[in-house]
């Protein structure tokens, strides 16, 4: 088991063993999967981040008007 202490800013240091398992290095992005009182830490693959950013921009252009929202309200 690894542990960290929360700073006054709400920050924690990811323990070395966890960084090694996730292959996390400085500048990497991580995300948290929350289910009830359980939180799972994941390394965000840089390719996934770029894909999701591009997908988000595409979807925003395709579907983002109030008319679109109204049309899909009851689905």
N, C-alpha and C. Protein backbone atom coordinates (compact mmCIF):
# COMPACT_ATOMS: atom_id res chain seq x y z
N UNK A 1 0.85 -1.18 0.00
CA UNK A 1 0.00 0.00 0.00
C UNK A 1 0.89 1.23 0.00
N UNK A 2 0.48 2.22 -0.79
CA UNK A 2 1.18 3.50 -0.83
C UNK A 2 0.24 4.56 -0.27
N UNK A 3 0.83 5.62 0.27
CA UNK A 3 -0.02 6.70 0.78
C UNK A 3 0.62 8.05 0.50
N UNK A 4 -0.21 9.08 0.52
CA UNK A 4 0.23 10.46 0.32
C UNK A 4 -0.49 11.33 1.34
N UNK A 5 0.05 12.51 1.57
CA UNK A 5 -0.57 13.49 2.44
C UNK A 5 -1.09 14.63 1.58
N UNK A 6 -2.31 15.06 1.84
CA UNK A 6 -2.92 16.14 1.08
C UNK A 6 -2.40 17.47 1.62
N UNK A 7 -1.94 18.33 0.69
CA UNK A 7 -1.43 19.65 1.09
C UNK A 7 -2.60 20.60 1.33
N UNK A 8 -2.29 21.78 1.82
CA UNK A 8 -3.32 22.78 2.07
C UNK A 8 -4.00 23.23 0.78
N UNK A 9 -3.36 23.01 -0.36
CA UNK A 9 -3.93 23.34 -1.67
C UNK A 9 -4.69 22.16 -2.27
N UNK A 10 -4.81 21.06 -1.54
CA UNK A 10 -5.50 19.88 -2.06
C UNK A 10 -4.63 19.04 -2.98
N UNK A 11 -3.33 19.25 -2.96
CA UNK A 11 -2.42 18.52 -3.83
C UNK A 11 -1.81 17.33 -3.11
N UNK A 12 -1.48 16.30 -3.89
CA UNK A 12 -0.77 15.15 -3.35
C UNK A 12 0.37 14.79 -4.31
N UNK A 13 1.38 14.14 -3.77
CA UNK A 13 2.45 13.59 -4.59
C UNK A 13 2.10 12.14 -4.87
N UNK A 14 2.16 11.75 -6.14
CA UNK A 14 1.89 10.36 -6.50
C UNK A 14 3.12 9.56 -6.09
N UNK A 15 2.95 8.55 -5.25
CA UNK A 15 4.10 7.77 -4.80
C UNK A 15 4.87 7.15 -5.96
N UNK A 16 6.18 7.00 -5.76
CA UNK A 16 7.06 6.50 -6.81
C UNK A 16 6.58 5.18 -7.38
N UNK A 17 6.18 4.26 -6.54
CA UNK A 17 5.73 2.94 -7.01
C UNK A 17 4.51 3.08 -7.94
N UNK A 18 3.59 3.97 -7.61
CA UNK A 18 2.39 4.19 -8.44
C UNK A 18 2.80 4.81 -9.77
N UNK A 19 3.72 5.80 -9.73
CA UNK A 19 4.21 6.40 -10.97
C UNK A 19 4.85 5.36 -11.87
N UNK A 20 5.61 4.45 -11.27
CA UNK A 20 6.27 3.41 -12.05
C UNK A 20 5.25 2.46 -12.68
N UNK A 21 4.26 2.05 -11.91
CA UNK A 21 3.24 1.12 -12.43
C UNK A 21 2.46 1.75 -13.58
N UNK A 22 2.12 3.03 -13.43
CA UNK A 22 1.35 3.73 -14.47
C UNK A 22 2.24 4.30 -15.56
N UNK A 23 3.55 4.25 -15.37
CA UNK A 23 4.50 4.85 -16.31
C UNK A 23 4.21 6.34 -16.49
N UNK A 24 4.01 7.02 -15.36
CA UNK A 24 3.71 8.45 -15.35
C UNK A 24 5.00 9.23 -15.14
N UNK A 25 5.20 10.24 -15.98
CA UNK A 25 6.35 11.13 -15.85
C UNK A 25 5.85 12.57 -15.84
N UNK A 26 6.73 13.49 -15.50
CA UNK A 26 6.36 14.91 -15.44
C UNK A 26 5.73 15.35 -16.76
N UNK A 27 4.62 16.05 -16.66
CA UNK A 27 3.93 16.56 -17.83
C UNK A 27 2.81 15.65 -18.32
N UNK A 28 2.78 14.39 -17.86
CA UNK A 28 1.70 13.48 -18.24
C UNK A 28 0.39 13.94 -17.60
N UNK A 29 -0.71 13.57 -18.23
CA UNK A 29 -2.02 13.85 -17.67
C UNK A 29 -2.58 12.57 -17.08
N UNK A 30 -3.31 12.72 -15.98
CA UNK A 30 -3.96 11.58 -15.36
C UNK A 30 -5.44 11.91 -15.21
N UNK A 31 -6.24 10.88 -15.09
CA UNK A 31 -7.65 11.11 -14.81
C UNK A 31 -8.10 10.17 -13.71
N UNK A 32 -9.21 10.53 -13.08
CA UNK A 32 -9.73 9.80 -11.95
C UNK A 32 -11.09 9.22 -12.32
N UNK A 33 -11.25 7.93 -12.09
CA UNK A 33 -12.53 7.27 -12.30
C UNK A 33 -13.14 7.10 -10.91
N UNK A 34 -14.27 7.76 -10.66
CA UNK A 34 -14.90 7.75 -9.35
C UNK A 34 -16.15 6.88 -9.38
N UNK A 35 -16.20 5.93 -8.47
CA UNK A 35 -17.36 5.05 -8.34
C UNK A 35 -17.66 4.90 -6.85
N UNK A 36 -18.70 5.60 -6.41
CA UNK A 36 -18.99 5.59 -4.97
C UNK A 36 -17.86 6.25 -4.21
N UNK A 37 -17.31 5.51 -3.25
CA UNK A 37 -16.19 6.03 -2.46
C UNK A 37 -14.84 5.50 -2.95
N UNK A 38 -14.84 4.87 -4.13
CA UNK A 38 -13.61 4.33 -4.71
C UNK A 38 -13.15 5.21 -5.87
N UNK A 39 -11.88 5.56 -5.86
CA UNK A 39 -11.31 6.38 -6.92
C UNK A 39 -10.14 5.61 -7.53
N UNK A 40 -10.16 5.49 -8.86
CA UNK A 40 -9.08 4.80 -9.57
C UNK A 40 -8.33 5.83 -10.41
N UNK A 41 -7.04 5.81 -10.31
CA UNK A 41 -6.16 6.73 -11.02
C UNK A 41 -5.69 6.08 -12.31
N UNK A 42 -5.76 6.83 -13.43
CA UNK A 42 -5.34 6.32 -14.72
C UNK A 42 -4.42 7.33 -15.40
N UNK A 43 -3.47 6.84 -16.15
CA UNK A 43 -2.63 7.70 -17.00
C UNK A 43 -3.39 7.92 -18.30
N UNK A 44 -3.50 9.16 -18.72
CA UNK A 44 -4.16 9.47 -19.98
C UNK A 44 -3.12 9.40 -21.08
N UNK A 45 -3.34 8.50 -22.01
CA UNK A 45 -2.43 8.34 -23.14
C UNK A 45 -2.45 9.62 -23.97
N UNK A 46 -1.30 10.22 -24.29
CA UNK A 46 -1.29 11.47 -25.06
C UNK A 46 -2.08 11.37 -26.36
N UNK A 47 -2.06 10.21 -27.02
CA UNK A 47 -2.84 10.03 -28.24
C UNK A 47 -4.33 10.17 -27.94
N UNK A 48 -4.78 9.59 -26.83
CA UNK A 48 -6.18 9.70 -26.45
C UNK A 48 -6.57 11.15 -26.18
N UNK A 49 -5.69 11.89 -25.54
CA UNK A 49 -5.99 13.29 -25.24
C UNK A 49 -6.17 14.08 -26.52
N UNK A 50 -5.31 13.88 -27.49
CA UNK A 50 -5.42 14.59 -28.76
C UNK A 50 -6.69 14.17 -29.49
N UNK A 51 -7.00 12.89 -29.46
CA UNK A 51 -8.21 12.38 -30.12
C UNK A 51 -9.46 12.99 -29.50
N UNK A 52 -9.52 12.99 -28.17
CA UNK A 52 -10.70 13.53 -27.49
C UNK A 52 -10.85 15.04 -27.72
N UNK A 53 -9.74 15.74 -27.76
CA UNK A 53 -9.81 17.18 -28.04
C UNK A 53 -10.34 17.42 -29.45
N UNK A 54 -9.85 16.66 -30.40
CA UNK A 54 -10.32 16.81 -31.79
C UNK A 54 -11.78 16.40 -31.92
N UNK A 55 -12.15 15.32 -31.26
CA UNK A 55 -13.54 14.85 -31.31
C UNK A 55 -14.47 15.89 -30.71
N UNK A 56 -14.07 16.46 -29.59
CA UNK A 56 -14.88 17.48 -28.94
C UNK A 56 -15.11 18.68 -29.83
N UNK A 57 -14.07 19.10 -30.54
CA UNK A 57 -14.19 20.25 -31.45
C UNK A 57 -15.13 19.91 -32.60
N UNK A 58 -15.03 18.68 -33.11
CA UNK A 58 -15.90 18.25 -34.21
C UNK A 58 -17.35 18.20 -33.78
N UNK A 59 -17.60 17.62 -32.63
CA UNK A 59 -18.97 17.50 -32.13
C UNK A 59 -19.56 18.87 -31.86
N UNK A 60 -18.75 19.78 -31.33
CA UNK A 60 -19.25 21.12 -31.04
C UNK A 60 -19.70 21.83 -32.31
N UNK A 61 -18.99 21.59 -33.41
CA UNK A 61 -19.38 22.20 -34.68
C UNK A 61 -20.64 21.55 -35.25
N UNK A 62 -20.76 20.23 -35.08
CA UNK A 62 -21.87 19.48 -35.66
C UNK A 62 -23.15 19.62 -34.85
N UNK A 63 -23.01 19.66 -33.52
CA UNK A 63 -24.19 19.60 -32.67
C UNK A 63 -23.97 20.51 -31.48
N UNK A 64 -24.58 21.62 -31.49
CA UNK A 64 -24.35 22.53 -30.38
C UNK A 64 -25.37 23.63 -30.27
N UNK A 65 -26.35 23.62 -31.17
CA UNK A 65 -27.34 24.68 -31.13
C UNK A 65 -28.48 24.32 -30.19
N UNK A 66 -29.25 25.32 -29.79
CA UNK A 66 -30.42 25.09 -28.95
C UNK A 66 -31.44 24.22 -29.69
N UNK A 67 -31.53 24.38 -31.00
CA UNK A 67 -32.43 23.55 -31.80
C UNK A 67 -32.05 22.09 -31.74
N UNK A 68 -30.76 21.81 -31.80
CA UNK A 68 -30.29 20.42 -31.68
C UNK A 68 -30.65 19.86 -30.31
N UNK A 69 -30.41 20.64 -29.27
CA UNK A 69 -30.73 20.18 -27.92
C UNK A 69 -32.22 19.86 -27.79
N UNK A 70 -33.06 20.72 -28.32
CA UNK A 70 -34.51 20.52 -28.23
C UNK A 70 -34.92 19.27 -29.01
N UNK A 71 -34.34 19.07 -30.17
CA UNK A 71 -34.68 17.92 -31.01
C UNK A 71 -34.35 16.59 -30.33
N UNK A 72 -33.34 16.58 -29.49
CA UNK A 72 -32.91 15.34 -28.85
C UNK A 72 -33.33 15.24 -27.38
N UNK A 73 -34.15 16.17 -26.90
CA UNK A 73 -34.56 16.18 -25.50
C UNK A 73 -35.23 14.89 -25.05
N UNK A 74 -36.05 14.30 -25.88
CA UNK A 74 -36.82 13.14 -25.44
C UNK A 74 -36.20 11.80 -25.82
N UNK A 75 -34.97 11.80 -26.25
CA UNK A 75 -34.32 10.52 -26.60
C UNK A 75 -33.76 9.83 -25.39
